[in-house]
Amino acid sequence: MEAYKNYVGLGVAGNFALHLEQAGESADFKDVVSEDPNGPKGIFPFYIPGHEGQLGVYPLSCDTILLPNEMCNVQPEPEVALICDLDYDSEGNIIDIAPKFFGAYNDCSLRKEGAAKISHKKNWGEASKGLSSTLIPVGSFEKGGVMETYRIASFLRREGSLLRYGEDVELTGYSYFYGKLINWLKNQINTQLDFGPLEPIQSYLKEAGYPKQAIISIGATRYTHFGETNFLREGDEVIVVVYDNNKYCMNPILSMANRGALDGEGISALVQKVVRG
């Protein structure tokens, strides 16, 4: 998966109710004040092209999660990614974010205390993130558009058993979506400061030469009890499925995942084997 090496990688923190609490990360944002207490908490980078250090390591894979060398818990974060075009004004401010495609994404994260920035938990090297190789055209990113009928589900295959990892939820269940999300993203990118767990995204974009495209993961969904309390082991298989609810419903998707047959129309599926380097 080399096609996105020139894309900047950004993620939205806290855009689905209760996920931060389940992930044990709500305390990270105790000093971050936002206009909307129910809205997202901030943006984090997971990949900056040309950046020196860890954020400059290309982390995307469509089939593998490579566990880190350090001993800590690693947890999938099932979510949706938007593949976007970016437009800037003459002063380097983002003036437009245009989603073109969407698909299944795994914002796989380290669970460790004391990390100064969100990004320190997000990119530990190659194959630390997941993006489906099957993406779906967005069309119109607004109410009534293509994404209106899509849902997201996730599973973990362990020792021959397939278990639900994340709740099966509609994409419109995101706290901020459509125009509300785009407006928030533009403002947050242009104004976010280096404060607490957050970083100055606009400075990173300048450093990278103002990339014209971005992968933006819009927030992890809620876990099942199993997902909240179980972390990755070598040999596991992580499955994230974004599917059209007009064509499929929950139990057929589970059956298709169990058979390894997630290649139908209206499906973006990500299947990653967990390995240790």
C-alpha atoms as a PDB file:
ATOM      1  CA  MET A   1       0.000   0.000   0.000  1.00  0.00           C
ATOM      2  CA  GLU A   2       2.331   2.698  -1.307  1.00  0.00           C
ATOM      3  CA  ALA A   3      -0.244   4.965  -2.980  1.00  0.00           C
ATOM      4  CA  TYR A   4      -0.619   7.298  -0.009  1.00  0.00           C
ATOM      5  CA  LYS A   5       3.013   8.087   0.801  1.00  0.00           C
ATOM      6  CA  ASN A   6       2.533  11.748  -0.162  1.00  0.00           C
ATOM      7  CA  TYR A   7      -0.734  12.115   1.763  1.00  0.00           C
ATOM      8  CA  VAL A   8      -0.737  13.649   5.228  1.00  0.00           C
ATOM      9  CA  GLY A   9      -2.343  11.395   7.850  1.00  0.00           C
ATOM     10  CA  LEU A  10      -4.599  13.021  10.454  1.00  0.00           C
ATOM     11  CA  GLY A  11      -7.038  11.664  13.006  1.00  0.00           C
ATOM     12  CA  VAL A  12      -9.933  13.080  15.004  1.00  0.00           C
ATOM     13  CA  ALA A  13     -10.013  12.359  18.738  1.00  0.00           C
ATOM     14  CA  GLY A  14     -13.283  12.004  20.616  1.00  0.00           C
ATOM     15  CA  ASN A  15     -15.809  12.065  17.771  1.00  0.00           C
ATOM     16  CA  PHE A  16     -17.898   9.117  18.958  1.00  0.00           C
ATOM     17  CA  ALA A  17     -19.624   9.164  22.333  1.00  0.00           C
ATOM     18  CA  LEU A  18     -17.906   7.168  25.125  1.00  0.00           C
ATOM     19  CA  HIS A  19     -14.954   5.896  23.066  1.00  0.00           C
ATOM     20  CA  LEU A  20     -12.345   7.943  24.952  1.00  0.00           C
ATOM     21  CA  GLU A  21     -13.698   6.681  28.272  1.00  0.00           C
ATOM     22  CA  GLN A  22     -13.560   3.065  27.060  1.00  0.00           C
ATOM     23  CA  ALA A  23     -10.011   3.560  25.792  1.00  0.00           C
ATOM     24  CA  GLY A  24      -8.910   5.097  29.091  1.00  0.00           C
ATOM     25  CA  GLU A  25      -7.923   8.343  27.360  1.00  0.00           C
ATOM     26  CA  SER A  26     -10.489  10.878  28.590  1.00  0.00           C
ATOM     27  CA  ALA A  27      -8.084  12.115  31.301  1.00  0.00           C
ATOM     28  CA  ASP A  28      -5.602  13.112  28.574  1.00  0.00           C
ATOM     29  CA  PHE A  29      -7.966  15.912  27.580  1.00  0.00           C
ATOM     30  CA  LYS A  30      -8.828  17.243  31.032  1.00  0.00           C
ATOM     31  CA  ASP A  31      -7.123  20.581  30.319  1.00  0.00           C
ATOM     32  CA  VAL A  32      -8.364  20.900  26.722  1.00  0.00           C
ATOM     33  CA  VAL A  33     -11.281  23.335  26.575  1.00  0.00           C
ATOM     34  CA  SER A  34     -13.577  23.148  23.545  1.00  0.00           C
ATOM     35  CA  GLU A  35     -16.617  25.195  22.584  1.00  0.00           C
ATOM     36  CA  ASP A  36     -18.761  22.065  22.403  1.00  0.00           C
ATOM     37  CA  PRO A  37     -18.244  19.636  25.311  1.00  0.00           C
ATOM     38  CA  ASN A  38     -19.930  16.902  23.240  1.00  0.00           C
ATOM     39  CA  GLY A  39     -17.785  17.508  20.163  1.00  0.00           C
ATOM     40  CA  PRO A  40     -14.349  16.203  19.142  1.00  0.00           C
ATOM     41  CA  LYS A  41     -11.394  17.075  21.380  1.00  0.00           C
ATOM     42  CA  GLY A  42      -8.752  17.706  18.763  1.00  0.00           C
ATOM     43  CA  ILE A  43      -6.762  16.503  15.767  1.00  0.00           C
ATOM     44  CA  PHE A  44      -3.649  14.367  15.935  1.00  0.00           C
ATOM     45  CA  PRO A  45      -1.107  13.516  13.222  1.00  0.00           C
ATOM     46  CA  PHE A  46      -0.254   9.903  12.486  1.00  0.00           C
ATOM     47  CA  TYR A  47       1.866  10.490   9.368  1.00  0.00           C
ATOM     48  CA  ILE A  48       3.650  13.598   8.047  1.00  0.00           C
ATOM     49  CA  PRO A  49       5.497  13.040   4.746  1.00  0.00           C
ATOM     50  CA  GLY A  50       9.153  13.994   5.033  1.00  0.00           C
ATOM     51  CA  HIS A  51       8.995  14.532   8.788  1.00  0.00           C
ATOM     52  CA  GLU A  52      12.096  13.651  10.765  1.00  0.00           C
ATOM     53  CA  GLY A  53      11.393  11.099  13.445  1.00  0.00           C
ATOM     54  CA  GLN A  54       8.570   8.655  14.032  1.00  0.00           C
ATOM     55  CA  LEU A  55       5.802  10.647  12.331  1.00  0.00           C
ATOM     56  CA  GLY A  56       7.748  10.439   9.083  1.00  0.00           C
ATOM     57  CA  VAL A  57       7.576   6.617   9.025  1.00  0.00           C
ATOM     58  CA  TYR A  58       4.888   5.406   6.621  1.00  0.00           C
ATOM     59  CA  PRO A  59       2.523   3.314   8.792  1.00  0.00           C
ATOM     60  CA  LEU A  60      -0.263   2.069   6.492  1.00  0.00           C
ATOM     61  CA  SER A  61      -0.945  -1.558   5.608  1.00  0.00           C
ATOM     62  CA  CYS A  62      -4.015  -3.249   4.144  1.00  0.00           C
ATOM     63  CA  ASP A  63      -3.226  -6.722   5.499  1.00  0.00           C
ATOM     64  CA  THR A  64      -0.863  -6.622   8.503  1.00  0.00           C
ATOM     65  CA  ILE A  65      -0.490  -5.156  11.986  1.00  0.00           C
ATOM     66  CA  LEU A  66       3.101  -5.383  13.164  1.00  0.00           C
ATOM     67  CA  LEU A  67       3.268  -5.385  16.950  1.00  0.00           C
ATOM     68  CA  PRO A  68       5.803  -3.002  18.545  1.00  0.00           C
ATOM     69  CA  ASN A  69       9.028  -4.164  20.134  1.00  0.00           C
ATOM     70  CA  GLU A  70       8.091  -2.548  23.451  1.00  0.00           C
ATOM     71  CA  MET A  71       5.834  -4.525  25.737  1.00  0.00           C
ATOM     72  CA  CYS A  72       2.505  -2.736  26.028  1.00  0.00           C
ATOM     73  CA  ASN A  73      -1.132  -3.311  25.149  1.00  0.00           C
ATOM     74  CA  VAL A  74      -2.108  -2.712  21.531  1.00  0.00           C
ATOM     75  CA  GLN A  75      -5.753  -2.113  20.677  1.00  0.00           C
ATOM     76  CA  PRO A  76      -7.512  -1.786  17.315  1.00  0.00           C
ATOM     77  CA  GLU A  77      -9.635   1.316  16.806  1.00  0.00           C
ATOM     78  CA  PRO A  78     -12.274   0.601  14.156  1.00  0.00           C
ATOM     79  CA  GLU A  79     -13.314   3.693  12.271  1.00  0.00           C
ATOM     80  CA  VAL A  80     -13.918   5.330   8.915  1.00  0.00           C
ATOM     81  CA  ALA A  81     -11.264   7.204   6.950  1.00  0.00           C
ATOM     82  CA  LEU A  82     -11.953   9.943   4.433  1.00  0.00           C
ATOM     83  CA  ILE A  83      -9.586  10.388   1.499  1.00  0.00           C
ATOM     84  CA  CYS A  84      -9.638  14.142   0.943  1.00  0.00           C
ATOM     85  CA  ASP A  85      -8.330  16.889  -1.301  1.00  0.00           C
ATOM     86  CA  LEU A  86      -6.964  19.918   0.550  1.00  0.00           C
ATOM     87  CA  ASP A  87      -6.977  23.539  -0.591  1.00  0.00           C
ATOM     88  CA  TYR A  88      -5.012  26.407   0.986  1.00  0.00           C
ATOM     89  CA  ASP A  89      -5.054  30.182   0.793  1.00  0.00           C
ATOM     90  CA  SER A  90      -1.961  32.284   0.111  1.00  0.00           C
ATOM     91  CA  GLU A  91      -1.056  32.293   3.813  1.00  0.00           C
ATOM     92  CA  GLY A  92      -1.167  28.521   4.186  1.00  0.00           C
ATOM     93  CA  ASN A  93      -4.553  28.287   5.884  1.00  0.00           C
ATOM     94  CA  ILE A  94      -6.831  25.408   4.964  1.00  0.00           C
ATOM     95  CA  ILE A  95      -9.842  26.811   3.094  1.00  0.00           C
ATOM     96  CA  ASP A  96     -11.391  23.599   1.782  1.00  0.00           C
ATOM     97  CA  ILE A  97     -11.418  19.901   2.630  1.00  0.00           C
ATOM     98  CA  ALA A  98     -13.175  17.803  -0.002  1.00  0.00           C
ATOM     99  CA  PRO A  99     -13.808  14.116   0.825  1.00  0.00           C
ATOM    100  CA  LYS A 100     -13.501  11.971  -2.306  1.00  0.00           C
ATOM    101  CA  PHE A 101     -13.492   8.392  -0.996  1.00  0.00           C
ATOM    102  CA  PHE A 102     -14.191   6.604   2.281  1.00  0.00           C
ATOM    103  CA  GLY A 103     -13.357   3.208   3.660  1.00  0.00           C
ATOM    104  CA  ALA A 104     -12.610   0.931   6.595  1.00  0.00           C
ATOM    105  CA  TYR A 105      -9.722   2.050   8.776  1.00  0.00           C
ATOM    106  CA  ASN A 106      -7.909   0.746  11.853  1.00  0.00           C
ATOM    107  CA  ASP A 107      -6.380   3.494  13.994  1.00  0.00           C
ATOM    108  CA  CYS A 108      -4.484   0.866  15.951  1.00  0.00           C
ATOM    109  CA  SER A 109      -3.116   2.403  19.159  1.00  0.00           C
ATOM    110  CA  LEU A 110      -0.749   1.729  22.012  1.00  0.00           C
ATOM    111  CA  ARG A 111      -2.356   1.803  25.444  1.00  0.00           C
ATOM    112  CA  LYS A 112       0.283   3.261  27.701  1.00  0.00           C
ATOM    113  CA  GLU A 113       0.199   5.921  30.367  1.00  0.00           C
ATOM    114  CA  GLY A 114       2.345   9.027  30.330  1.00  0.00           C
ATOM    115  CA  ALA A 115       2.483   9.666  26.579  1.00  0.00           C
ATOM    116  CA  ALA A 116       2.856  13.421  26.131  1.00  0.00           C
ATOM    117  CA  LYS A 117       1.043  13.551  22.778  1.00  0.00           C
ATOM    118  CA  ILE A 118      -1.706  11.482  21.180  1.00  0.00           C
ATOM    119  CA  SER A 119       0.581  10.804  18.218  1.00  0.00           C
ATOM    120  CA  HIS A 120       3.066   9.029  20.486  1.00  0.00           C
ATOM    121  CA  LYS A 121       0.544   6.185  20.749  1.00  0.00           C
ATOM    122  CA  LYS A 122      -0.360   6.085  17.074  1.00  0.00           C
ATOM    123  CA  ASN A 123       2.661   5.436  14.855  1.00  0.00           C
ATOM    124  CA  TRP A 124       5.296   3.052  16.163  1.00  0.00           C
ATOM    125  CA  GLY A 125       6.549   2.075  12.702  1.00  0.00           C
ATOM    126  CA  GLU A 126       5.603   0.239   9.530  1.00  0.00           C
ATOM    127  CA  ALA A 127       2.230  -1.567   9.500  1.00  0.00           C
ATOM    128  CA  SER A 128       1.002   0.134  12.653  1.00  0.00           C
ATOM    129  CA  LYS A 129      -2.144   1.425  10.890  1.00  0.00           C
ATOM    130  CA  GLY A 130      -4.693  -0.107   8.564  1.00  0.00           C
ATOM    131  CA  LEU A 131      -6.623   1.150   5.529  1.00  0.00           C
ATOM    132  CA  SER A 132      -8.795  -0.967   3.259  1.00  0.00           C
ATOM    133  CA  SER A 133      -7.636  -1.341  -0.334  1.00  0.00           C
ATOM    134  CA  THR A 134     -11.312  -1.088  -1.345  1.00  0.00           C
ATOM    135  CA  LEU A 135     -12.529   2.492  -1.100  1.00  0.00           C
ATOM    136  CA  ILE A 136     -15.977   3.855  -1.969  1.00  0.00           C
ATOM    137  CA  PRO A 137     -16.628   7.159  -3.772  1.00  0.00           C
ATOM    138  CA  VAL A 138     -18.180   9.711  -1.419  1.00  0.00           C
ATOM    139  CA  GLY A 139     -20.237  11.533  -4.006  1.00  0.00           C
ATOM    140  CA  SER A 140     -21.882  14.282  -1.963  1.00  0.00           C
ATOM    141  CA  PHE A 141     -20.670  14.501   1.646  1.00  0.00           C
ATOM    142  CA  GLU A 142     -23.975  15.716   3.043  1.00  0.00           C
ATOM    143  CA  LYS A 143     -27.254  14.436   4.428  1.00  0.00           C
ATOM    144  CA  GLY A 144     -28.960  12.176   1.915  1.00  0.00           C
ATOM    145  CA  GLY A 145     -25.659  11.276   0.214  1.00  0.00           C
ATOM    146  CA  VAL A 146     -24.019   7.893  -0.272  1.00  0.00           C
ATOM    147  CA  MET A 147     -22.711   7.572   3.284  1.00  0.00           C
ATOM    148  CA  GLU A 148     -26.149   8.041   4.833  1.00  0.00           C
ATOM    149  CA  THR A 149     -26.935   4.314   4.688  1.00  0.00           C
ATOM    150  CA  TYR A 150     -23.527   2.935   5.712  1.00  0.00           C
ATOM    151  CA  ARG A 151     -22.601   1.272   8.975  1.00  0.00           C
ATOM    152  CA  ILE A 152     -19.346   0.063  10.530  1.00  0.00           C
ATOM    153  CA  ALA A 153     -18.670  -3.206  12.343  1.00  0.00           C
ATOM    154  CA  SER A 154     -15.504  -4.891  13.551  1.00  0.00           C
ATOM    155  CA  PHE A 155     -14.412  -8.339  14.642  1.00  0.00           C
ATOM    156  CA  LEU A 156     -11.406 -10.187  16.022  1.00  0.00           C
ATOM    157  CA  ARG A 157     -10.576 -13.712  14.916  1.00  0.00           C
ATOM    158  CA  ARG A 158      -8.703 -15.530  17.662  1.00  0.00           C
ATOM    159  CA  GLU A 159      -7.870 -19.231  17.815  1.00  0.00           C
ATOM    160  CA  GLY A 160     -10.543 -20.065  15.253  1.00  0.00           C
ATOM    161  CA  SER A 161     -13.348 -18.019  16.841  1.00  0.00           C
ATOM    162  CA  LEU A 162     -14.755 -14.781  15.402  1.00  0.00           C
ATOM    163  CA  LEU A 163     -15.780 -12.284  18.078  1.00  0.00           C
ATOM    164  CA  ARG A 164     -17.446  -8.874  17.802  1.00  0.00           C
ATOM    165  CA  TYR A 165     -14.873  -6.231  18.721  1.00  0.00           C
ATOM    166  CA  GLY A 166     -16.677  -2.945  18.126  1.00  0.00           C
ATOM    167  CA  GLU A 167     -20.347  -2.094  18.205  1.00  0.00           C
ATOM    168  CA  ASP A 168     -22.201  -2.193  14.886  1.00  0.00           C
ATOM    169  CA  VAL A 169     -23.168   1.474  14.376  1.00  0.00           C
ATOM    170  CA  GLU A 170     -24.333   3.827  11.642  1.00  0.00           C
ATOM    171  CA  LEU A 171     -21.839   6.358  10.274  1.00  0.00           C
ATOM    172  CA  THR A 172     -24.314   9.143  10.990  1.00  0.00           C
ATOM    173  CA  GLY A 173     -23.797   8.291  14.686  1.00  0.00           C
ATOM    174  CA  TYR A 174     -20.561  10.296  14.665  1.00  0.00           C
ATOM    175  CA  SER A 175     -20.889  13.400  16.848  1.00  0.00           C
ATOM    176  CA  TYR A 176     -19.644  15.620  13.990  1.00  0.00           C
ATOM    177  CA  PHE A 177     -20.334  14.555  10.418  1.00  0.00           C
ATOM    178  CA  TYR A 178     -20.897  16.132   7.008  1.00  0.00           C
ATOM    179  CA  GLY A 179     -20.557  19.929   6.871  1.00  0.00           C
ATOM    180  CA  LYS A 180     -20.303  20.258  10.640  1.00  0.00           C
ATOM    181  CA  LEU A 181     -17.244  18.004  10.623  1.00  0.00           C
ATOM    182  CA  ILE A 182     -15.614  19.744   7.645  1.00  0.00           C
ATOM    183  CA  ASN A 183     -16.041  23.201   9.194  1.00  0.00           C
ATOM    184  CA  TRP A 184     -14.644  21.964  12.506  1.00  0.00           C
ATOM    185  CA  LEU A 185     -11.667  20.310  10.758  1.00  0.00           C
ATOM    186  CA  LYS A 186     -10.758  23.474   8.863  1.00  0.00           C
ATOM    187  CA  ASN A 187     -10.906  25.635  11.955  1.00  0.00           C
ATOM    188  CA  GLN A 188      -9.081  23.103  14.136  1.00  0.00           C
ATOM    189  CA  ILE A 189      -6.251  22.578  11.653  1.00  0.00           C
ATOM    190  CA  ASN A 190      -5.754  26.330  11.265  1.00  0.00           C
ATOM    191  CA  THR A 191      -5.899  27.189  14.973  1.00  0.00           C
ATOM    192  CA  GLN A 192      -4.837  24.147  17.030  1.00  0.00           C
ATOM    193  CA  LEU A 193      -1.881  24.939  19.279  1.00  0.00           C
ATOM    194  CA  ASP A 194       0.860  22.777  20.738  1.00  0.00           C
ATOM    195  CA  PHE A 195      -0.937  22.219  24.023  1.00  0.00           C
ATOM    196  CA  GLY A 196      -1.407  19.183  26.245  1.00  0.00           C
ATOM    197  CA  PRO A 197      -1.887  16.072  24.067  1.00  0.00           C
ATOM    198  CA  LEU A 198      -2.398  18.179  20.917  1.00  0.00           C
ATOM    199  CA  GLU A 199       0.078  19.399  18.300  1.00  0.00           C
ATOM    200  CA  PRO A 200       0.252  22.357  15.844  1.00  0.00           C
ATOM    201  CA  ILE A 201      -1.142  20.710  12.717  1.00  0.00           C
ATOM    202  CA  GLN A 202      -0.790  23.785  10.522  1.00  0.00           C
ATOM    203  CA  SER A 203       2.962  23.907  11.226  1.00  0.00           C
ATOM    204  CA  TYR A 204       3.276  20.262  10.214  1.00  0.00           C
ATOM    205  CA  LEU A 205       1.460  20.924   6.938  1.00  0.00           C
ATOM    206  CA  LYS A 206       3.833  23.791   6.198  1.00  0.00           C
ATOM    207  CA  GLU A 207       6.825  21.574   6.978  1.00  0.00           C
ATOM    208  CA  ALA A 208       5.480  18.928   4.567  1.00  0.00           C
ATOM    209  CA  GLY A 209       5.118  21.473   1.749  1.00  0.00           C
ATOM    210  CA  TYR A 210       1.335  21.832   2.084  1.00  0.00           C
ATOM    211  CA  PRO A 211       0.191  18.383   0.915  1.00  0.00           C
ATOM    212  CA  LYS A 212      -2.744  18.408  -1.496  1.00  0.00           C
ATOM    213  CA  GLN A 213      -4.265  15.183  -0.178  1.00  0.00           C
ATOM    214  CA  ALA A 214      -5.017  13.775   3.258  1.00  0.00           C
ATOM    215  CA  ILE A 215      -6.219  10.613   4.909  1.00  0.00           C
ATOM    216  CA  ILE A 216      -8.435  11.756   7.771  1.00  0.00           C
ATOM    217  CA  SER A 217      -9.700   9.143  10.210  1.00  0.00           C
ATOM    218  CA  ILE A 218     -12.821  10.642  11.736  1.00  0.00           C
ATOM    219  CA  GLY A 219     -12.962   8.862  15.089  1.00  0.00           C
ATOM    220  CA  ALA A 220     -13.048   5.401  16.625  1.00  0.00           C
ATOM    221  CA  THR A 221     -16.413   3.869  17.451  1.00  0.00           C
ATOM    222  CA  ARG A 222     -17.419   2.192  20.723  1.00  0.00           C
ATOM    223  CA  TYR A 223     -16.160  -1.224  21.759  1.00  0.00           C
ATOM    224  CA  THR A 224     -18.110  -4.249  22.813  1.00  0.00           C
ATOM    225  CA  HIS A 225     -17.225  -5.502  26.301  1.00  0.00           C
ATOM    226  CA  PHE A 226     -14.867  -8.012  24.680  1.00  0.00           C
ATOM    227  CA  GLY A 227     -13.205  -5.293  22.613  1.00  0.00           C
ATOM    228  CA  GLU A 228     -12.790  -2.979  25.562  1.00  0.00           C
ATOM    229  CA  THR A 229     -11.099  -5.628  27.680  1.00  0.00           C
ATOM    230  CA  ASN A 230      -9.015  -7.599  25.139  1.00  0.00           C
ATOM    231  CA  PHE A 231      -5.843  -6.490  23.370  1.00  0.00           C
ATOM    232  CA  LEU A 232      -3.997  -7.843  20.363  1.00  0.00           C
ATOM    233  CA  ARG A 233      -1.955 -11.028  20.393  1.00  0.00           C
ATOM    234  CA  GLU A 234       0.300 -12.483  17.740  1.00  0.00           C
ATOM    235  CA  GLY A 235      -1.832 -14.610  15.412  1.00  0.00           C
ATOM    236  CA  ASP A 236      -5.030 -12.570  15.820  1.00  0.00           C
ATOM    237  CA  GLU A 237      -6.882 -11.217  12.813  1.00  0.00           C
ATOM    238  CA  VAL A 238      -8.522  -7.783  12.928  1.00  0.00           C
ATOM    239  CA  ILE A 239     -11.516  -7.177  10.650  1.00  0.00           C
ATOM    240  CA  VAL A 240     -13.133  -3.766  10.098  1.00  0.00           C
ATOM    241  CA  VAL A 241     -16.131  -3.599   7.754  1.00  0.00           C
ATOM    242  CA  VAL A 242     -17.908  -0.527   6.392  1.00  0.00           C
ATOM    243  CA  TYR A 243     -21.084  -1.670   4.643  1.00  0.00           C
ATOM    244  CA  ASP A 244     -24.237  -0.392   2.975  1.00  0.00           C
ATOM    245  CA  ASN A 245     -27.183  -1.169   5.243  1.00  0.00           C
ATOM    246  CA  ASN A 246     -29.508  -1.058   2.232  1.00  0.00           C
ATOM    247  CA  LYS A 247     -27.741  -4.146   0.867  1.00  0.00           C
ATOM    248  CA  TYR A 248     -26.678  -5.988   4.040  1.00  0.00           C
ATOM    249  CA  CYS A 249     -27.620  -6.204   7.690  1.00  0.00           C
ATOM    250  CA  MET A 250     -25.688  -7.163  10.791  1.00  0.00           C
ATOM    251  CA  ASN A 251     -25.910 -10.962  10.864  1.00  0.00           C
ATOM    252  CA  PRO A 252     -25.072 -11.523   7.161  1.00  0.00           C
ATOM    253  CA  ILE A 253     -21.997  -9.304   7.604  1.00  0.00           C
ATOM    254  CA  LEU A 254     -20.930 -11.463  10.560  1.00  0.00           C
ATOM    255  CA  SER A 255     -21.423 -14.591   8.447  1.00  0.00           C
ATOM    256  CA  MET A 256     -19.472 -13.108   5.527  1.00  0.00           C
ATOM    257  CA  ALA A 257     -16.647 -12.104   7.862  1.00  0.00           C
ATOM    258  CA  ASN A 258     -16.563 -15.600   9.294  1.00  0.00           C
ATOM    259  CA  ARG A 259     -16.249 -17.083   5.782  1.00  0.00           C
ATOM    260  CA  GLY A 260     -13.678 -14.503   4.657  1.00  0.00           C
ATOM    261  CA  ALA A 261     -16.019 -13.359   1.893  1.00  0.00           C
ATOM    262  CA  LEU A 262     -16.177  -9.578   2.393  1.00  0.00           C
ATOM    263  CA  ASP A 263     -15.852  -8.591  -1.249  1.00  0.00           C
ATOM    264  CA  GLY A 264     -19.408  -7.628  -2.192  1.00  0.00           C
ATOM    265  CA  GLU A 265     -20.669  -4.386  -3.695  1.00  0.00           C
ATOM    266  CA  GLY A 266     -21.220  -1.700  -1.058  1.00  0.00           C
ATOM    267  CA  ILE A 267     -18.498  -3.089   1.253  1.00  0.00           C
ATOM    268  CA  SER A 268     -15.107  -1.698   2.254  1.00  0.00           C
ATOM    269  CA  ALA A 269     -13.335  -4.319   4.343  1.00  0.00           C
ATOM    270  CA  LEU A 270      -9.987  -4.285   6.106  1.00  0.00           C
ATOM    271  CA  VAL A 271      -8.512  -7.619   7.228  1.00  0.00           C
ATOM    272  CA  GLN A 272      -5.154  -7.514   9.045  1.00  0.00           C
ATOM    273  CA  LYS A 273      -3.115 -10.368  10.437  1.00  0.00           C
ATOM    274  CA  VAL A 274      -1.329  -9.525  13.688  1.00  0.00           C
ATOM    275  CA  VAL A 275       2.362 -10.449  13.585  1.00  0.00           C
ATOM    276  CA  ARG A 276       5.464  -9.738  15.623  1.00  0.00           C
ATOM    277  CA  GLY A 277       8.593  -8.486  13.908  1.00  0.00           C
END
